[in-house]
Each structure stands twice: as C-alpha cells, then as structure tokens.
PDB file of N, CA and C in Angstrom:
ATOM      1  N   MET A   1      -4.460  95.050-106.028  1.00  0.00           N
ATOM      2  CA  MET A   1      -3.042  94.792-105.845  1.00  0.00           C
ATOM      3  C   MET A   1      -2.776  93.367-105.360  1.00  0.00           C
ATOM      4  N   ILE A   2      -3.584  92.917-104.371  1.00  0.00           N
ATOM      5  CA  ILE A   2      -3.346  91.564-103.833  1.00  0.00           C
ATOM      6  C   ILE A   2      -3.623  90.513-104.917  1.00  0.00           C
ATOM      7  N   GLN A   3      -4.644  90.699-105.732  1.00  0.00           N
ATOM      8  CA  GLN A   3      -4.921  89.746-106.773  1.00  0.00           C
ATOM      9  C   GLN A   3      -3.782  89.719-107.795  1.00  0.00           C
ATOM     10  N   LEU A   4      -3.206  90.826-108.142  1.00  0.00           N
ATOM     11  CA  LEU A   4      -2.094  90.879-109.115  1.00  0.00           C
ATOM     12  C   LEU A   4      -0.906  90.157-108.559  1.00  0.00           C
ATOM     13  N   LYS A   5      -0.543  90.344-107.255  1.00  0.00           N
ATOM     14  CA  LYS A   5       0.514  89.682-106.628  1.00  0.00           C
ATOM     15  C   LYS A   5       0.364  88.139-106.678  1.00  0.00           C
ATOM     16  N   PHE A   6      -0.869  87.678-106.430  1.00  0.00           N
ATOM     17  CA  PHE A   6      -1.133  86.271-106.453  1.00  0.00           C
ATOM     18  C   PHE A   6      -0.932  85.718-107.864  1.00  0.00           C
ATOM     19  N   ILE A   7      -1.307  86.441-108.873  1.00  0.00           N
ATOM     20  CA  ILE A   7      -1.239  85.947-110.261  1.00  0.00           C
ATOM     21  C   ILE A   7       0.239  85.932-110.706  1.00  0.00           C
ATOM     22  N   ILE A   8       1.035  86.869-110.302  1.00  0.00           N
ATOM     23  CA  ILE A   8       2.414  86.938-110.760  1.00  0.00           C
ATOM     24  C   ILE A   8       3.456  86.316-109.842  1.00  0.00           C
ATOM     25  N   MET A   9       2.997  85.487-108.913  1.00  0.00           N
ATOM     26  CA  MET A   9       3.954  84.751-108.019  1.00  0.00           C
ATOM     27  C   MET A   9       4.874  83.967-108.938  1.00  0.00           C
ATOM     28  N   ASN A  10       6.077  83.865-108.521  1.00  0.00           N
ATOM     29  CA  ASN A  10       7.007  83.140-109.363  1.00  0.00           C
ATOM     30  C   ASN A  10       6.739  81.596-109.291  1.00  0.00           C
ATOM     31  N   TRP A  11       7.317  80.834-110.166  1.00  0.00           N
ATOM     32  CA  TRP A  11       7.003  79.424-110.252  1.00  0.00           C
ATOM     33  C   TRP A  11       7.547  78.646-109.033  1.00  0.00           C
ATOM     34  N   VAL A  12       8.537  79.194-108.345  1.00  0.00           N
ATOM     35  CA  VAL A  12       9.059  78.479-107.158  1.00  0.00           C
ATOM     36  C   VAL A  12       7.997  78.501-106.062  1.00  0.00           C
ATOM     37  N   GLU A  13       7.296  79.620-105.913  1.00  0.00           N
ATOM     38  CA  GLU A  13       6.206  79.705-104.941  1.00  0.00           C
ATOM     39  C   GLU A  13       5.099  78.728-105.300  1.00  0.00           C
ATOM     40  N   TRP A  14       4.761  78.663-106.560  1.00  0.00           N
ATOM     41  CA  TRP A  14       3.718  77.775-107.037  1.00  0.00           C
ATOM     42  C   TRP A  14       4.117  76.318-106.734  1.00  0.00           C
ATOM     43  N   LEU A  15       5.393  76.009-106.901  1.00  0.00           N
ATOM     44  CA  LEU A  15       5.909  74.666-106.609  1.00  0.00           C
ATOM     45  C   LEU A  15       5.686  74.358-105.127  1.00  0.00           C
ATOM     46  N   GLY A  16       5.932  75.303-104.246  1.00  0.00           N
ATOM     47  CA  GLY A  16       5.667  75.103-102.832  1.00  0.00           C
ATOM     48  C   GLY A  16       4.212  74.845-102.515  1.00  0.00           C
ATOM     49  N   TYR A  17       3.349  75.659-103.127  1.00  0.00           N
ATOM     50  CA  TYR A  17       1.899  75.444-102.865  1.00  0.00           C
ATOM     51  C   TYR A  17       1.387  74.083-103.453  1.00  0.00           C
ATOM     52  N   PHE A  18       1.920  73.769-104.625  1.00  0.00           N
ATOM     53  CA  PHE A  18       1.521  72.488-105.272  1.00  0.00           C
ATOM     54  C   PHE A  18       2.009  71.313-104.395  1.00  0.00           C
ATOM     55  N   SER A  19       3.197  71.382-103.910  1.00  0.00           N
ATOM     56  CA  SER A  19       3.738  70.310-103.077  1.00  0.00           C
ATOM     57  C   SER A  19       2.912  70.160-101.794  1.00  0.00           C
ATOM     58  N   ALA A  20       2.559  71.299-101.192  1.00  0.00           N
ATOM     59  CA  ALA A  20       1.737  71.273 -99.972  1.00  0.00           C
ATOM     60  C   ALA A  20       0.370  70.633-100.264  1.00  0.00           C
ATOM     61  N   ALA A  21      -0.208  70.937-101.429  1.00  0.00           N
ATOM     62  CA  ALA A  21      -1.476  70.376-101.797  1.00  0.00           C
ATOM     63  C   ALA A  21      -1.362  68.836-101.989  1.00  0.00           C
ATOM     64  N   LEU A  22      -0.253  68.395-102.550  1.00  0.00           N
ATOM     65  CA  LEU A  22      -0.070  66.939-102.691  1.00  0.00           C
ATOM     66  C   LEU A  22       0.029  66.259-101.359  1.00  0.00           C
ATOM     67  N   VAL A  23       0.751  66.845-100.458  1.00  0.00           N
ATOM     68  CA  VAL A  23       0.857  66.239 -99.108  1.00  0.00           C
ATOM     69  C   VAL A  23      -0.518  66.155 -98.421  1.00  0.00           C
ATOM     70  N   VAL A  24      -1.268  67.240 -98.539  1.00  0.00           N
ATOM     71  CA  VAL A  24      -2.613  67.209 -97.921  1.00  0.00           C
ATOM     72  C   VAL A  24      -3.482  66.198 -98.646  1.00  0.00           C
ATOM     73  N   LEU A  25      -3.395  66.160 -99.951  1.00  0.00           N
ATOM     74  CA  LEU A  25      -4.189  65.184-100.733  1.00  0.00           C
ATOM     75  C   LEU A  25      -3.900  63.770-100.348  1.00  0.00           C
ATOM     76  N   SER A  26      -2.640  63.492-100.024  1.00  0.00           N
ATOM     77  CA  SER A  26      -2.244  62.136 -99.652  1.00  0.00           C
ATOM     78  C   SER A  26      -3.044  61.642 -98.396  1.00  0.00           C
ATOM     79  N   PHE A  27      -3.475  62.547 -97.555  1.00  0.00           N
ATOM     80  CA  PHE A  27      -4.265  62.148 -96.428  1.00  0.00           C
ATOM     81  C   PHE A  27      -5.759  61.988 -96.714  1.00  0.00           C
ATOM     82  N   LEU A  28      -6.167  62.400 -97.883  1.00  0.00           N
ATOM     83  CA  LEU A  28      -7.595  62.379 -98.237  1.00  0.00           C
ATOM     84  C   LEU A  28      -7.974  61.367 -99.286  1.00  0.00           C
ATOM     85  N   VAL A  29      -7.027  60.611 -99.804  1.00  0.00           N
ATOM     86  CA  VAL A  29      -7.319  59.715-100.926  1.00  0.00           C
ATOM     87  C   VAL A  29      -7.918  58.364-100.562  1.00  0.00           C
ATOM     88  N   GLY A  30      -8.164  58.109 -99.336  1.00  0.00           N
ATOM     89  CA  GLY A  30      -8.750  56.875 -98.933  1.00  0.00           C
ATOM     90  C   GLY A  30      -7.801  56.000 -98.139  1.00  0.00           C
ATOM     91  N   GLN A  31      -8.020  54.678 -98.265  1.00  0.00           N
ATOM     92  CA  GLN A  31      -7.278  53.750 -97.433  1.00  0.00           C
ATOM     93  C   GLN A  31      -6.274  52.930 -98.195  1.00  0.00           C
ATOM     94  N   LYS A  32      -6.077  53.220 -99.487  1.00  0.00           N
ATOM     95  CA  LYS A  32      -5.068  52.441-100.226  1.00  0.00           C
ATOM     96  C   LYS A  32      -3.709  52.994 -99.870  1.00  0.00           C
ATOM     97  N   VAL A  33      -2.945  52.211 -99.138  1.00  0.00           N
ATOM     98  CA  VAL A  33      -1.658  52.687 -98.578  1.00  0.00           C
ATOM     99  C   VAL A  33      -0.677  53.036 -99.665  1.00  0.00           C
ATOM    100  N   ARG A  34      -0.592  52.233-100.703  1.00  0.00           N
ATOM    101  CA  ARG A  34       0.372  52.500-101.810  1.00  0.00           C
ATOM    102  C   ARG A  34       0.057  53.857-102.437  1.00  0.00           C
ATOM    103  N   ARG A  35      -1.216  54.161-102.655  1.00  0.00           N
ATOM    104  CA  ARG A  35      -1.599  55.436-103.264  1.00  0.00           C
ATOM    105  C   ARG A  35      -1.218  56.598-102.324  1.00  0.00           C
ATOM    106  N   ILE A  36      -1.488  56.408-101.044  1.00  0.00           N
ATOM    107  CA  ILE A  36      -1.156  57.439-100.068  1.00  0.00           C
ATOM    108  C   ILE A  36       0.366  57.730-100.090  1.00  0.00           C
ATOM    109  N   ARG A  37       1.145  56.607-100.026  1.00  0.00           N
ATOM    110  CA  ARG A  37       2.582  56.773-100.038  1.00  0.00           C
ATOM    111  C   ARG A  37       3.108  57.404-101.299  1.00  0.00           C
ATOM    112  N   PHE A  38       2.521  57.031-102.451  1.00  0.00           N
ATOM    113  CA  PHE A  38       3.021  57.587-103.716  1.00  0.00           C
ATOM    114  C   PHE A  38       2.719  59.084-103.814  1.00  0.00           C
ATOM    115  N   ILE A  39       1.537  59.498-103.491  1.00  0.00           N
ATOM    116  CA  ILE A  39       1.173  60.921-103.563  1.00  0.00           C
ATOM    117  C   ILE A  39       1.980  61.720-102.551  1.00  0.00           C
ATOM    118  N   ASN A  40       2.185  61.154-101.343  1.00  0.00           N
ATOM    119  CA  ASN A  40       2.998  61.784-100.306  1.00  0.00           C
ATOM    120  C   ASN A  40       4.433  61.958-100.780  1.00  0.00           C
ATOM    121  N   MET A  41       4.981  60.947-101.440  1.00  0.00           N
ATOM    122  CA  MET A  41       6.303  60.975-101.956  1.00  0.00           C
ATOM    123  C   MET A  41       6.456  62.039-103.013  1.00  0.00           C
ATOM    124  N   LEU A  42       5.459  62.196-103.887  1.00  0.00           N
ATOM    125  CA  LEU A  42       5.494  63.274-104.897  1.00  0.00           C
ATOM    126  C   LEU A  42       5.553  64.615-104.249  1.00  0.00           C
ATOM    127  N   GLY A  43       4.741  64.795-103.191  1.00  0.00           N
ATOM    128  CA  GLY A  43       4.776  66.083-102.479  1.00  0.00           C
ATOM    129  C   GLY A  43       6.154  66.326-101.849  1.00  0.00           C
ATOM    130  N   ALA A  44       6.745  65.299-101.277  1.00  0.00           N
ATOM    131  CA  ALA A  44       8.038  65.443-100.638  1.00  0.00           C
ATOM    132  C   ALA A  44       9.167  65.728-101.719  1.00  0.00           C
ATOM    133  N   VAL A  45       9.014  65.165-102.868  1.00  0.00           N
ATOM    134  CA  VAL A  45       9.936  65.476-103.993  1.00  0.00           C
ATOM    135  C   VAL A  45       9.769  66.959-104.384  1.00  0.00           C
ATOM    136  N   GLY A  46       8.533  67.410-104.492  1.00  0.00           N
ATOM    137  CA  GLY A  46       8.329  68.809-104.760  1.00  0.00           C
ATOM    138  C   GLY A  46       8.929  69.713-103.713  1.00  0.00           C
ATOM    139  N   PHE A  47       8.726  69.355-102.452  1.00  0.00           N
ATOM    140  CA  PHE A  47       9.335  70.174-101.369  1.00  0.00           C
ATOM    141  C   PHE A  47      10.871  70.132-101.384  1.00  0.00           C
ATOM    142  N   LEU A  48      11.384  68.974-101.722  1.00  0.00           N
ATOM    143  CA  LEU A  48      12.869  68.847-101.809  1.00  0.00           C
ATOM    144  C   LEU A  48      13.396  69.837-102.879  1.00  0.00           C
ATOM    145  N   ILE A  49      12.779  69.829-104.010  1.00  0.00           N
ATOM    146  CA  ILE A  49      13.183  70.753-105.101  1.00  0.00           C
ATOM    147  C   ILE A  49      12.941  72.209-104.651  1.00  0.00           C
ATOM    148  N   TYR A  50      11.837  72.462-104.017  1.00  0.00           N
ATOM    149  CA  TYR A  50      11.512  73.825-103.502  1.00  0.00           C
ATOM    150  C   TYR A  50      12.617  74.290-102.519  1.00  0.00           C
ATOM    151  N   GLY A  51      12.979  73.394-101.617  1.00  0.00           N
ATOM    152  CA  GLY A  51      14.062  73.784-100.656  1.00  0.00           C
ATOM    153  C   GLY A  51      15.386  74.075-101.326  1.00  0.00           C
ATOM    154  N   ILE A  52      15.707  73.291-102.311  1.00  0.00           N
ATOM    155  CA  ILE A  52      16.910  73.560-103.079  1.00  0.00           C
ATOM    156  C   ILE A  52      16.894  74.873-103.814  1.00  0.00           C
ATOM    157  N   LEU A  53      15.714  75.195-104.390  1.00  0.00           N
ATOM    158  CA  LEU A  53      15.582  76.426-105.113  1.00  0.00           C
ATOM    159  C   LEU A  53      15.539  77.646-104.247  1.00  0.00           C
ATOM    160  N   LEU A  54      15.247  77.435-102.963  1.00  0.00           N
ATOM    161  CA  LEU A  54      15.245  78.554-101.984  1.00  0.00           C
ATOM    162  C   LEU A  54      16.641  78.734-101.393  1.00  0.00           C
ATOM    163  N   ASP A  55      17.638  78.635-102.186  1.00  0.00           N
ATOM    164  CA  ASP A  55      19.055  78.806-101.793  1.00  0.00           C
ATOM    165  C   ASP A  55      19.409  77.798-100.697  1.00  0.00           C
ATOM    166  N   THR A  56      19.129  76.574-100.928  1.00  0.00           N
ATOM    167  CA  THR A  56      19.500  75.455-100.082  1.00  0.00           C
ATOM    168  C   THR A  56      18.950  75.650 -98.652  1.00  0.00           C
ATOM    169  N   ASN A  57      17.666  75.527 -98.558  1.00  0.00           N
ATOM    170  CA  ASN A  57      16.984  75.670 -97.255  1.00  0.00           C
ATOM    171  C   ASN A  57      16.892  74.315 -96.576  1.00  0.00           C
ATOM    172  N   PHE A  58      17.888  74.003 -95.705  1.00  0.00           N
ATOM    173  CA  PHE A  58      18.048  72.689 -95.103  1.00  0.00           C
ATOM    174  C   PHE A  58      16.846  72.216 -94.265  1.00  0.00           C
ATOM    175  N   PRO A  59      16.192  73.094 -93.535  1.00  0.00           N
ATOM    176  CA  PRO A  59      15.028  72.616 -92.750  1.00  0.00           C
ATOM    177  C   PRO A  59      13.910  72.084 -93.672  1.00  0.00           C
ATOM    178  N   ILE A  60      13.878  72.421 -94.928  1.00  0.00           N
ATOM    179  CA  ILE A  60      12.927  71.863 -95.873  1.00  0.00           C
ATOM    180  C   ILE A  60      13.507  70.622 -96.529  1.00  0.00           C
ATOM    181  N   ILE A  61      14.785  70.683 -96.898  1.00  0.00           N
ATOM    182  CA  ILE A  61      15.433  69.619 -97.685  1.00  0.00           C
ATOM    183  C   ILE A  61      15.584  68.358 -96.866  1.00  0.00           C
ATOM    184  N   ILE A  62      16.119  68.405 -95.613  1.00  0.00           N
ATOM    185  CA  ILE A  62      16.486  67.227 -94.889  1.00  0.00           C
ATOM    186  C   ILE A  62      15.305  66.340 -94.534  1.00  0.00           C
ATOM    187  N   PRO A  63      14.238  66.871 -93.914  1.00  0.00           N
ATOM    188  CA  PRO A  63      13.098  65.999 -93.620  1.00  0.00           C
ATOM    189  C   PRO A  63      12.436  65.429 -94.885  1.00  0.00           C
ATOM    190  N   ASN A  64      12.353  66.169 -95.912  1.00  0.00           N
ATOM    191  CA  ASN A  64      11.704  65.661 -97.139  1.00  0.00           C
ATOM    192  C   ASN A  64      12.592  64.622 -97.804  1.00  0.00           C
ATOM    193  N   ALA A  65      13.875  64.751 -97.712  1.00  0.00           N
ATOM    194  CA  ALA A  65      14.739  63.718 -98.289  1.00  0.00           C
ATOM    195  C   ALA A  65      14.579  62.409 -97.499  1.00  0.00           C
ATOM    196  N   PHE A  66      14.394  62.488 -96.219  1.00  0.00           N
ATOM    197  CA  PHE A  66      14.100  61.255 -95.409  1.00  0.00           C
ATOM    198  C   PHE A  66      12.722  60.676 -95.776  1.00  0.00           C
ATOM    199  N   ILE A  67      11.735  61.553 -95.926  1.00  0.00           N
ATOM    200  CA  ILE A  67      10.405  61.059 -96.357  1.00  0.00           C
ATOM    201  C   ILE A  67      10.458  60.348 -97.669  1.00  0.00           C
ATOM    202  N   ILE A  68      11.160  60.927 -98.618  1.00  0.00           N
ATOM    203  CA  ILE A  68      11.278  60.257 -99.941  1.00  0.00           C
ATOM    204  C   ILE A  68      11.940  58.913 -99.800  1.00  0.00           C
ATOM    205  N   CYS A  69      13.016  58.778 -99.025  1.00  0.00           N
ATOM    206  CA  CYS A  69      13.675  57.477 -98.835  1.00  0.00           C
ATOM    207  C   CYS A  69      12.710  56.490 -98.179  1.00  0.00           C
ATOM    208  N   ILE A  70      11.989  56.901 -97.178  1.00  0.00           N
ATOM    209  CA  ILE A  70      11.052  56.026 -96.495  1.00  0.00           C
ATOM    210  C   ILE A  70       9.936  55.541 -97.432  1.00  0.00           C
ATOM    211  N   GLN A  71       9.361  56.463 -98.136  1.00  0.00           N
ATOM    212  CA  GLN A  71       8.251  56.138 -99.058  1.00  0.00           C
ATOM    213  C   GLN A  71       8.814  55.266-100.163  1.00  0.00           C
ATOM    214  N   PHE A  72       9.967  55.528-100.703  1.00  0.00           N
ATOM    215  CA  PHE A  72      10.544  54.756-101.766  1.00  0.00           C
ATOM    216  C   PHE A  72      10.759  53.327-101.269  1.00  0.00           C
ATOM    217  N   TYR A  73      11.280  53.183-100.084  1.00  0.00           N
ATOM    218  CA  TYR A  73      11.572  51.878 -99.525  1.00  0.00           C
ATOM    219  C   TYR A  73      10.284  51.019 -99.428  1.00  0.00           C
ATOM    220  N   TYR A  74       9.238  51.667 -98.867  1.00  0.00           N
ATOM    221  CA  TYR A  74       7.992  50.858 -98.691  1.00  0.00           C
ATOM    222  C   TYR A  74       7.250  50.666-100.041  1.00  0.00           C
ATOM    223  N   LEU A  75       7.418  51.561-100.990  1.00  0.00           N
ATOM    224  CA  LEU A  75       6.735  51.400-102.289  1.00  0.00           C
ATOM    225  C   LEU A  75       7.452  50.395-103.199  1.00  0.00           C
ATOM    226  N   PHE A  76       8.760  50.448-103.264  1.00  0.00           N
ATOM    227  CA  PHE A  76       9.500  49.659-104.260  1.00  0.00           C
ATOM    228  C   PHE A  76      10.423  48.597-103.750  1.00  0.00           C
ATOM    229  N   ILE A  77      10.889  48.679-102.512  1.00  0.00           N
ATOM    230  CA  ILE A  77      11.844  47.691-102.010  1.00  0.00           C
ATOM    231  C   ILE A  77      11.137  46.663-101.153  1.00  0.00           C
ATOM    232  N   LYS A  78      10.422  47.114-100.146  1.00  0.00           N
ATOM    233  CA  LYS A  78       9.735  46.234 -99.298  1.00  0.00           C
ATOM    234  C   LYS A  78       8.204  46.253 -99.666  1.00  0.00           C
ATOM    235  N   LYS A  79       7.767  45.208-100.292  1.00  0.00           N
ATOM    236  CA  LYS A  79       6.353  45.158-100.639  1.00  0.00           C
ATOM    237  C   LYS A  79       5.543  44.921 -99.397  1.00  0.00           C
ATOM    238  N   GLU A  80       4.534  45.730 -99.147  1.00  0.00           N
ATOM    239  CA  GLU A  80       3.747  45.532 -97.969  1.00  0.00           C
ATOM    240  C   GLU A  80       2.940  44.277 -98.031  1.00  0.00           C
ATOM    241  N   GLN A  81       2.914  43.566 -96.955  1.00  0.00           N
ATOM    242  CA  GLN A  81       2.150  42.320 -96.898  1.00  0.00           C
ATOM    243  C   GLN A  81       0.705  42.582 -96.479  1.00  0.00           C
ATOM    244  N   ALA A  82      -0.170  41.731 -96.983  1.00  0.00           N
ATOM    245  CA  ALA A  82      -1.558  41.840 -96.611  1.00  0.00           C
ATOM    246  C   ALA A  82      -1.745  41.488 -95.142  1.00  0.00           C
ATOM    247  N   PRO A  83      -2.720  42.038 -94.444  1.00  0.00           N
ATOM    248  CA  PRO A  83      -2.892  41.717 -93.023  1.00  0.00           C
ATOM    249  C   PRO A  83      -3.111  40.242 -92.822  1.00  0.00           C
ATOM    250  N   GLY A  84      -2.433  39.731 -91.819  1.00  0.00           N
ATOM    251  CA  GLY A  84      -2.558  38.291 -91.487  1.00  0.00           C
ATOM    252  C   GLY A  84      -1.577  37.420 -92.187  1.00  0.00           C
ATOM    253  N   LYS A  85      -0.853  37.945 -93.117  1.00  0.00           N
ATOM    254  CA  LYS A  85       0.153  37.080 -93.863  1.00  0.00           C
ATOM    255  C   LYS A  85       1.528  37.310 -93.281  1.00  0.00           C
ATOM    256  N   GLN A  86       2.293  36.325 -93.121  1.00  0.00           N
ATOM    257  CA  GLN A  86       3.648  36.471 -92.558  1.00  0.00           C
ATOM    258  C   GLN A  86       4.644  35.996 -93.534  1.00  0.00           C
TER     259      GLN A  86
END
C-alpha cells in the first residue's frame, strides 16, 4: 500500500520534492557561485509554484519570492567581481 501511494502521488507533491532536491543540490555542486545561485533559484521558483498550487500557501511563497529576487539580482543585474578587484 505504501509503495502504491508513493507511485500515485500527484504532480504537485512531485514538484515539492523536486524543488527540495534542487535546493539541496545547490549546496553540493562545488564552489562556482553562479552555478550555486542558479540551481538554488530554480529550486525557489519550483517552491514558489508549489506554494501557489497549495491554495496560496504564503509561508512558502513569500520567502521563496525573496530568494528568487536576490538570486536574480546577483546573477543578472550585479555581476560578481573576482576577489581582489574593486
């Protein structure tokens, strides 16, 4: 019965698990900051959609919306400078 429930989970639950996996993966990909930020932002986008699909779950939506904005800013607006450069 447990195996059947896991197989037939709806796609919203799968989105939540996939988003969580992306966030965890962002901490394991090494030291390339842009890659970490990009993967983390993808996870936050997934969680944002997940929160919206859970009948507007604000404790999930609000922090992930901020994370998306922060990651977007550092990825696309403010280019990170190499250490020692001003």
